[in-house]
Amino acid sequence: MQISELAKRVGVTAHAVRHYESLGLLVARRRPSGYREFDEGAVRELRFITMSRQCGFSLKQIAAVLPDYRSGVLTAVDMIGMLQARIAEVDAEIDKRQVLRAHLVAHIGWFEAREQRRADKAAQGGRGFPRAPREASLAAKGRAAGPDDKKVSTRSRRQGP
């Protein structure tokens, strides 16, 4: 059968069939006219390749087991084991993605809280950043810091008079 018929029977594009053939996953005879000729075994092999791709196996992984599949050495038990291993890989990836998602949600919360604090401070004092504690205390008393309001340095307090 020609490439278009093979592609149609399996439900893939002719481009995909050509790609798999170029990688050595599918084997075609060439007619004298140059057209590719696939036998019935190619339908079975292409279905195996397609199913394997749907399960997330790489083309390299498929290429490694395809000879055993062709020869009938690859059993259903082998396939079940491969699929169970793939499930474990997917579960591990899901766990990683859930951790990543939790980090993203936490960062969004942090930025939202930061923006809310800025908005609250701007609404209270007209400034987008916090007041110094002494300045805030004087503002609460209704006075501004002046030259007579000298702050005692922490060094002079520690050293004593």
C-alpha atoms as a PDB file:
ATOM      1  CA  MET A   1       0.000   0.000   0.000  1.00  0.00           C
ATOM      2  CA  GLN A   2       1.122   3.559  -0.572  1.00  0.00           C
ATOM      3  CA  ILE A   3       1.952   6.061   2.122  1.00  0.00           C
ATOM      4  CA  SER A   4      -1.397   7.879   1.893  1.00  0.00           C
ATOM      5  CA  GLU A   5      -3.368   4.661   2.429  1.00  0.00           C
ATOM      6  CA  LEU A   6      -1.186   3.620   5.384  1.00  0.00           C
ATOM      7  CA  ALA A   7      -1.576   7.047   6.958  1.00  0.00           C
ATOM      8  CA  LYS A   8      -5.351   6.986   6.455  1.00  0.00           C
ATOM      9  CA  ARG A   9      -5.761   3.479   7.915  1.00  0.00           C
ATOM     10  CA  VAL A  10      -3.904   4.389  11.095  1.00  0.00           C
ATOM     11  CA  GLY A  11      -5.147   7.966  11.377  1.00  0.00           C
ATOM     12  CA  VAL A  12      -1.876   9.856  11.051  1.00  0.00           C
ATOM     13  CA  THR A  13      -0.501  12.201   8.430  1.00  0.00           C
ATOM     14  CA  ALA A  14       1.641  11.126   5.505  1.00  0.00           C
ATOM     15  CA  HIS A  15       4.246  13.522   6.870  1.00  0.00           C
ATOM     16  CA  ALA A  16       4.373  11.516  10.127  1.00  0.00           C
ATOM     17  CA  VAL A  17       4.809   8.269   8.178  1.00  0.00           C
ATOM     18  CA  ARG A  18       7.685   9.808   6.189  1.00  0.00           C
ATOM     19  CA  HIS A  19       9.262  11.055   9.412  1.00  0.00           C
ATOM     20  CA  TYR A  20       9.061   7.642  11.080  1.00  0.00           C
ATOM     21  CA  GLU A  21      10.509   6.041   7.975  1.00  0.00           C
ATOM     22  CA  SER A  22      13.383   8.553   7.894  1.00  0.00           C
ATOM     23  CA  LEU A  23      14.203   7.593  11.489  1.00  0.00           C
ATOM     24  CA  GLY A  24      14.173   3.902  10.618  1.00  0.00           C
ATOM     25  CA  LEU A  25      11.049   3.130  12.631  1.00  0.00           C
ATOM     26  CA  LEU A  26       9.129   2.058   9.528  1.00  0.00           C
ATOM     27  CA  VAL A  27      10.532   0.167   6.574  1.00  0.00           C
ATOM     28  CA  ALA A  28       9.187   0.605   3.056  1.00  0.00           C
ATOM     29  CA  ARG A  29      10.140  -0.973  -0.220  1.00  0.00           C
ATOM     30  CA  ARG A  30      10.581   1.328  -3.172  1.00  0.00           C
ATOM     31  CA  ARG A  31       8.727   0.687  -6.381  1.00  0.00           C
ATOM     32  CA  PRO A  32      10.547   1.234  -9.672  1.00  0.00           C
ATOM     33  CA  SER A  33       8.614   4.493  -9.900  1.00  0.00           C
ATOM     34  CA  GLY A  34      10.164   5.612  -6.579  1.00  0.00           C
ATOM     35  CA  TYR A  35       6.940   5.385  -4.592  1.00  0.00           C
ATOM     36  CA  ARG A  36       7.085   3.829  -1.130  1.00  0.00           C
ATOM     37  CA  GLU A  37       5.333   0.480  -0.757  1.00  0.00           C
ATOM     38  CA  PHE A  38       4.278  -0.643   2.726  1.00  0.00           C
ATOM     39  CA  ASP A  39       3.066  -4.115   3.654  1.00  0.00           C
ATOM     40  CA  GLU A  40       0.361  -5.043   6.192  1.00  0.00           C
ATOM     41  CA  GLY A  41       2.980  -5.321   8.938  1.00  0.00           C
ATOM     42  CA  ALA A  42       3.554  -1.581   8.607  1.00  0.00           C
ATOM     43  CA  VAL A  43      -0.039  -0.952   9.731  1.00  0.00           C
ATOM     44  CA  ARG A  44       0.575  -2.911  12.920  1.00  0.00           C
ATOM     45  CA  GLU A  45       3.947  -1.223  13.516  1.00  0.00           C
ATOM     46  CA  LEU A  46       2.568   2.259  12.865  1.00  0.00           C
ATOM     47  CA  ARG A  47      -0.281   1.606  15.313  1.00  0.00           C
ATOM     48  CA  PHE A  48       2.307   0.524  17.895  1.00  0.00           C
ATOM     49  CA  ILE A  49       4.342   3.690  17.267  1.00  0.00           C
ATOM     50  CA  THR A  50       1.229   5.875  17.459  1.00  0.00           C
ATOM     51  CA  MET A  51       0.009   4.226  20.668  1.00  0.00           C
ATOM     52  CA  SER A  52       3.468   4.554  22.205  1.00  0.00           C
ATOM     53  CA  ARG A  53       3.639   8.255  21.311  1.00  0.00           C
ATOM     54  CA  GLN A  54       0.180   8.798  22.828  1.00  0.00           C
ATOM     55  CA  CYS A  55       1.504   7.239  26.040  1.00  0.00           C
ATOM     56  CA  GLY A  56       4.380   9.714  26.087  1.00  0.00           C
ATOM     57  CA  PHE A  57       7.225   7.489  24.984  1.00  0.00           C
ATOM     58  CA  SER A  58       9.985   9.204  23.040  1.00  0.00           C
ATOM     59  CA  LEU A  59      10.888   8.104  19.533  1.00  0.00           C
ATOM     60  CA  LYS A  60      14.237   6.951  20.929  1.00  0.00           C
ATOM     61  CA  GLN A  61      12.456   4.724  23.469  1.00  0.00           C
ATOM     62  CA  ILE A  62      10.170   3.369  20.750  1.00  0.00           C
ATOM     63  CA  ALA A  63      13.128   2.656  18.474  1.00  0.00           C
ATOM     64  CA  ALA A  64      14.729   0.627  21.268  1.00  0.00           C
ATOM     65  CA  VAL A  65      11.757  -1.758  21.653  1.00  0.00           C
ATOM     66  CA  LEU A  66      10.421  -1.817  18.085  1.00  0.00           C
ATOM     67  CA  PRO A  67      12.701  -4.677  16.937  1.00  0.00           C
ATOM     68  CA  ASP A  68      11.372  -6.842  19.787  1.00  0.00           C
ATOM     69  CA  TYR A  69       7.815  -5.831  18.866  1.00  0.00           C
ATOM     70  CA  ARG A  70       8.402  -6.747  15.211  1.00  0.00           C
ATOM     71  CA  SER A  71       9.863 -10.126  16.087  1.00  0.00           C
ATOM     72  CA  GLY A  72       7.142 -10.958  18.614  1.00  0.00           C
ATOM     73  CA  VAL A  73       9.568 -11.100  21.540  1.00  0.00           C
ATOM     74  CA  LEU A  74       7.901  -8.136  23.253  1.00  0.00           C
ATOM     75  CA  THR A  75       5.087  -9.650  25.299  1.00  0.00           C
ATOM     76  CA  ALA A  76       1.966  -8.148  26.819  1.00  0.00           C
ATOM     77  CA  VAL A  77       3.614  -8.541  30.233  1.00  0.00           C
ATOM     78  CA  ASP A  78       6.586  -6.502  28.961  1.00  0.00           C
ATOM     79  CA  MET A  79       4.223  -3.827  27.672  1.00  0.00           C
ATOM     80  CA  ILE A  80       2.324  -3.713  30.961  1.00  0.00           C
ATOM     81  CA  GLY A  81       5.622  -3.225  32.790  1.00  0.00           C
ATOM     82  CA  MET A  82       6.642  -0.421  30.429  1.00  0.00           C
ATOM     83  CA  LEU A  83       3.269   1.278  30.825  1.00  0.00           C
ATOM     84  CA  GLN A  84       3.397   0.988  34.624  1.00  0.00           C
ATOM     85  CA  ALA A  85       6.879   2.537  34.598  1.00  0.00           C
ATOM     86  CA  ARG A  86       5.540   5.340  32.417  1.00  0.00           C
ATOM     87  CA  ILE A  87       2.693   5.921  34.891  1.00  0.00           C
ATOM     88  CA  ALA A  88       5.276   6.251  37.679  1.00  0.00           C
ATOM     89  CA  GLU A  89       7.161   8.839  35.587  1.00  0.00           C
ATOM     90  CA  VAL A  90       3.949  10.772  34.955  1.00  0.00           C
ATOM     91  CA  ASP A  91       3.052  10.666  38.667  1.00  0.00           C
ATOM     92  CA  ALA A  92       6.503  12.031  39.563  1.00  0.00           C
ATOM     93  CA  GLU A  93       6.085  14.808  37.003  1.00  0.00           C
ATOM     94  CA  ILE A  94       2.639  15.634  38.415  1.00  0.00           C
ATOM     95  CA  ASP A  95       4.151  15.860  41.917  1.00  0.00           C
ATOM     96  CA  LYS A  96       6.825  18.264  40.632  1.00  0.00           C
ATOM     97  CA  ARG A  97       4.218  20.354  38.851  1.00  0.00           C
ATOM     98  CA  GLN A  98       2.052  20.517  41.992  1.00  0.00           C
ATOM     99  CA  VAL A  99       5.026  21.795  43.999  1.00  0.00           C
ATOM    100  CA  LEU A 100       5.722  24.357  41.276  1.00  0.00           C
ATOM    101  CA  ARG A 101       2.064  25.403  41.295  1.00  0.00           C
ATOM    102  CA  ALA A 102       2.133  25.857  45.073  1.00  0.00           C
ATOM    103  CA  HIS A 103       5.216  28.086  44.733  1.00  0.00           C
ATOM    104  CA  LEU A 104       3.506  30.152  42.045  1.00  0.00           C
ATOM    105  CA  VAL A 105       0.372  30.588  44.169  1.00  0.00           C
ATOM    106  CA  ALA A 106       2.512  31.586  47.180  1.00  0.00           C
ATOM    107  CA  HIS A 107       4.378  34.175  45.118  1.00  0.00           C
ATOM    108  CA  ILE A 108       1.129  35.607  43.792  1.00  0.00           C
ATOM    109  CA  GLY A 109      -0.115  35.884  47.387  1.00  0.00           C
ATOM    110  CA  TRP A 110       3.084  37.630  48.442  1.00  0.00           C
ATOM    111  CA  PHE A 111       2.851  40.173  45.615  1.00  0.00           C
ATOM    112  CA  GLU A 112      -0.851  40.762  46.244  1.00  0.00           C
ATOM    113  CA  ALA A 113      -0.187  41.353  49.957  1.00  0.00           C
ATOM    114  CA  ARG A 114       2.675  43.689  49.078  1.00  0.00           C
ATOM    115  CA  GLU A 115       0.463  45.695  46.751  1.00  0.00           C
ATOM    116  CA  GLN A 116      -2.300  45.811  49.369  1.00  0.00           C
ATOM    117  CA  ARG A 117       0.163  47.095  52.000  1.00  0.00           C
ATOM    118  CA  ARG A 118       1.333  49.794  49.599  1.00  0.00           C
ATOM    119  CA  ALA A 119      -2.249  50.803  48.847  1.00  0.00           C
ATOM    120  CA  ASP A 120      -3.114  50.884  52.571  1.00  0.00           C
ATOM    121  CA  LYS A 121      -0.063  52.991  53.415  1.00  0.00           C
ATOM    122  CA  ALA A 122      -0.714  55.348  50.546  1.00  0.00           C
ATOM    123  CA  ALA A 123      -4.297  55.798  51.734  1.00  0.00           C
ATOM    124  CA  GLN A 124      -3.199  56.469  55.335  1.00  0.00           C
ATOM    125  CA  GLY A 125      -0.236  58.726  54.854  1.00  0.00           C
ATOM    126  CA  GLY A 126      -0.169  59.549  51.206  1.00  0.00           C
ATOM    127  CA  ARG A 127       3.066  57.655  50.836  1.00  0.00           C
ATOM    128  CA  GLY A 128       3.768  54.337  49.253  1.00  0.00           C
ATOM    129  CA  PHE A 129       6.360  53.286  51.810  1.00  0.00           C
ATOM    130  CA  PRO A 130       6.280  52.893  55.587  1.00  0.00           C
ATOM    131  CA  ARG A 131       7.073  55.812  57.885  1.00  0.00           C
ATOM    132  CA  ALA A 132       9.967  55.576  60.279  1.00  0.00           C
ATOM    133  CA  PRO A 133       8.710  54.590  63.764  1.00  0.00           C
ATOM    134  CA  ARG A 134       9.618  57.975  65.354  1.00  0.00           C
ATOM    135  CA  GLU A 135       8.072  59.922  62.496  1.00  0.00           C
ATOM    136  CA  ALA A 136       4.894  57.854  62.739  1.00  0.00           C
ATOM    137  CA  SER A 137       4.734  58.401  66.509  1.00  0.00           C
ATOM    138  CA  LEU A 138       5.049  62.172  66.146  1.00  0.00           C
ATOM    139  CA  ALA A 139       2.495  62.212  63.355  1.00  0.00           C
ATOM    140  CA  ALA A 140       0.071  60.348  65.600  1.00  0.00           C
ATOM    141  CA  LYS A 141       0.558  63.073  68.250  1.00  0.00           C
ATOM    142  CA  GLY A 142      -0.146  65.730  65.645  1.00  0.00           C
ATOM    143  CA  ARG A 143       3.324  67.244  65.479  1.00  0.00           C
ATOM    144  CA  ALA A 144       6.196  67.087  63.076  1.00  0.00           C
ATOM    145  CA  ALA A 145       9.751  66.283  63.993  1.00  0.00           C
ATOM    146  CA  GLY A 146      11.724  69.467  64.527  1.00  0.00           C
ATOM    147  CA  PRO A 147      15.236  70.452  65.548  1.00  0.00           C
ATOM    148  CA  ASP A 148      14.367  70.162  69.248  1.00  0.00           C
ATOM    149  CA  ASP A 149      13.216  66.540  68.793  1.00  0.00           C
ATOM    150  CA  LYS A 150      16.595  64.860  68.668  1.00  0.00           C
ATOM    151  CA  LYS A 151      16.744  61.137  68.515  1.00  0.00           C
ATOM    152  CA  VAL A 152      19.046  59.529  71.010  1.00  0.00           C
ATOM    153  CA  SER A 153      21.353  57.222  69.135  1.00  0.00           C
ATOM    154  CA  THR A 154      21.447  53.598  70.123  1.00  0.00           C
ATOM    155  CA  ARG A 155      25.201  53.892  70.642  1.00  0.00           C
ATOM    156  CA  SER A 156      24.918  56.628  73.269  1.00  0.00           C
ATOM    157  CA  ARG A 157      22.174  54.696  75.070  1.00  0.00           C
ATOM    158  CA  ARG A 158      24.323  51.598  75.277  1.00  0.00           C
ATOM    159  CA  GLN A 159      27.439  53.391  76.436  1.00  0.00           C
ATOM    160  CA  GLY A 160      25.628  55.305  79.120  1.00  0.00           C
ATOM    161  CA  PRO A 161      26.141  58.965  80.224  1.00  0.00           C
END
